[in-house]
Protein backbone atom coordinates (compact mmCIF):
# COMPACT_ATOMS: atom_id res chain seq x y z
CA GLN A 1 -27.35 -44.26 94.62
CA VAL A 2 -26.39 -40.44 94.22
CA GLN A 3 -24.38 -38.92 97.13
CA LEU A 4 -23.91 -35.01 97.89
CA VAL A 5 -21.44 -33.67 100.04
CA GLU A 6 -21.19 -30.13 101.04
CA SER A 7 -18.35 -28.37 102.38
CA GLY A 8 -17.10 -24.89 103.20
CA GLY A 9 -19.58 -23.67 105.31
CA GLY A 10 -17.99 -21.71 108.66
CA LEU A 11 -18.47 -18.87 111.07
CA VAL A 12 -17.44 -15.41 108.89
CA GLN A 13 -18.38 -11.17 110.02
CA ALA A 14 -20.70 -9.39 108.55
CA GLY A 15 -19.56 -8.47 105.20
CA GLY A 16 -17.24 -11.46 104.50
CA SER A 17 -17.28 -14.08 101.86
CA LEU A 18 -17.73 -17.87 101.67
CA ARG A 19 -17.27 -19.86 99.11
CA LEU A 20 -19.65 -23.48 99.67
CA SER A 21 -18.94 -26.64 97.40
CA CYS A 22 -21.32 -29.57 96.83
CA ALA A 23 -19.26 -32.40 95.27
CA ALA A 24 -21.44 -35.13 93.99
CA SER A 25 -20.61 -38.93 94.14
CA GLY A 26 -21.20 -39.33 90.35
CA THR A 27 -21.18 -36.88 86.82
CA ILE A 28 -23.13 -33.60 87.35
CA SER A 29 -24.05 -33.39 83.50
CA LYS A 30 -27.13 -36.32 84.55
CA PHE A 31 -29.17 -33.50 86.70
CA ASN A 32 -31.68 -31.25 84.85
CA ALA A 33 -30.74 -28.62 88.11
CA MET A 34 -28.81 -28.36 90.72
CA GLY A 35 -28.56 -25.77 93.62
CA TRP A 36 -28.34 -24.42 97.15
CA TYR A 37 -31.28 -24.45 99.54
CA ARG A 38 -30.99 -23.30 103.26
CA GLN A 39 -33.18 -23.06 106.28
CA ALA A 40 -32.55 -21.30 109.66
CA PRO A 41 -33.70 -22.63 113.33
CA GLY A 42 -37.88 -22.29 112.98
CA LYS A 43 -37.70 -21.38 109.40
CA GLN A 44 -38.55 -23.21 105.96
CA ARG A 45 -35.97 -24.17 103.68
CA GLU A 46 -36.26 -21.90 101.34
CA THR A 47 -34.29 -21.74 98.26
CA VAL A 48 -31.20 -19.95 97.63
CA ALA A 49 -29.93 -20.62 94.00
CA LEU A 50 -30.38 -22.96 91.11
CA ILE A 51 -28.38 -23.87 88.01
CA PHE A 52 -29.81 -25.71 85.16
CA ARG A 53 -28.43 -28.22 82.76
CA SER A 54 -28.94 -25.77 80.05
CA GLY A 55 -26.40 -23.19 81.89
CA GLY A 56 -29.30 -20.76 83.13
CA GLU A 57 -29.13 -19.78 86.89
CA ASN A 58 -31.82 -18.64 89.03
CA TYR A 59 -31.10 -16.62 92.42
CA ALA A 60 -33.55 -15.85 95.36
CA ASP A 61 -34.55 -11.85 95.65
CA TYR A 62 -32.57 -11.82 99.21
CA VAL A 63 -29.18 -13.14 97.52
CA LYS A 64 -29.03 -11.64 93.83
CA GLY A 65 -26.12 -9.73 93.31
CA ARG A 66 -24.39 -11.17 96.14
CA PHE A 67 -23.91 -14.93 95.77
CA THR A 68 -23.22 -16.51 92.18
CA ILE A 69 -23.65 -20.34 91.64
CA SER A 70 -21.43 -22.29 89.49
CA ARG A 71 -20.08 -25.95 88.49
CA ASP A 72 -17.59 -27.67 87.31
CA SER A 73 -18.53 -30.84 85.07
CA ALA A 74 -15.06 -32.61 85.37
CA LYS A 75 -15.18 -32.30 88.76
CA ASN A 76 -18.70 -33.04 89.27
CA THR A 77 -19.14 -30.51 91.60
CA VAL A 78 -20.96 -27.09 92.36
CA TYR A 79 -20.37 -24.21 93.72
CA LEU A 80 -21.61 -21.07 96.02
CA GLN A 81 -19.66 -17.71 95.82
CA MET A 82 -21.46 -15.71 98.96
CA ASP A 83 -20.04 -12.37 99.40
CA SER A 84 -21.03 -9.58 101.49
CA LEU A 85 -22.76 -11.73 103.83
CA LYS A 86 -25.39 -10.56 106.44
CA PRO A 87 -26.18 -12.29 109.62
CA GLU A 88 -30.01 -13.31 108.07
CA ASP A 89 -27.58 -15.57 105.45
CA THR A 90 -26.97 -17.81 108.72
CA ALA A 91 -28.31 -21.12 107.71
CA ASN A 92 -27.65 -24.59 106.98
CA TYR A 93 -26.62 -24.87 103.27
CA LEU A 94 -27.95 -27.81 101.67
CA CYS A 95 -26.87 -29.06 98.27
CA TYR A 96 -29.98 -30.41 95.94
CA ALA A 97 -30.33 -32.30 92.60
CA LEU A 98 -32.80 -32.61 90.20
CA GLY A 99 -33.27 -36.13 87.86
CA MET A 100 -35.82 -36.32 85.05
CA ASN A 101 -36.10 -39.23 83.40
CA SER A 102 -38.92 -41.08 81.30
CA GLY A 103 -41.36 -39.26 83.74
CA ARG A 104 -39.44 -40.65 86.54
CA VAL A 105 -38.49 -37.61 88.91
CA ASP A 106 -35.90 -38.11 91.57
CA THR A 107 -34.70 -35.72 94.31
CA TYR A 108 -31.06 -35.35 96.22
CA TRP A 109 -30.37 -34.13 99.24
CA GLY A 110 -26.84 -33.36 100.99
CA GLN A 111 -26.25 -33.42 104.56
CA GLY A 112 -25.76 -29.79 104.25
CA THR A 113 -23.40 -27.48 105.83
CA GLN A 114 -23.42 -24.47 108.43
CA VAL A 115 -23.03 -20.94 107.54
CA THR A 116 -23.08 -18.48 110.54
CA VAL A 117 -22.85 -14.88 110.12
CA SER A 118 -22.15 -12.71 112.91
CA SER A 119 -22.83 -8.81 113.43
């Protein structure tokens, strides 16, 4: 069973930076995509950034130019560098992985790490 463990969240002032990490229990190269979602209280879960097996990246419009997703396959870890943070970025950030094999689709989620941005 795949486990995803996030770390790096915390409290930061607006304009500050944080780097989130997502450590996977196995090799991340087997996943078709990995990424980050976030969910604020009373709101729906929303996409933040994805990185694909090909190396391509995709960002939500509200984080483009401020957040950067990356991966270190040797460490089985995906990162989210968050700069120029805004109070509206406050949310629980969850790591996500998608595996597709012989028509079977598997999705995995971490427990999340809380990011709080003060104004």
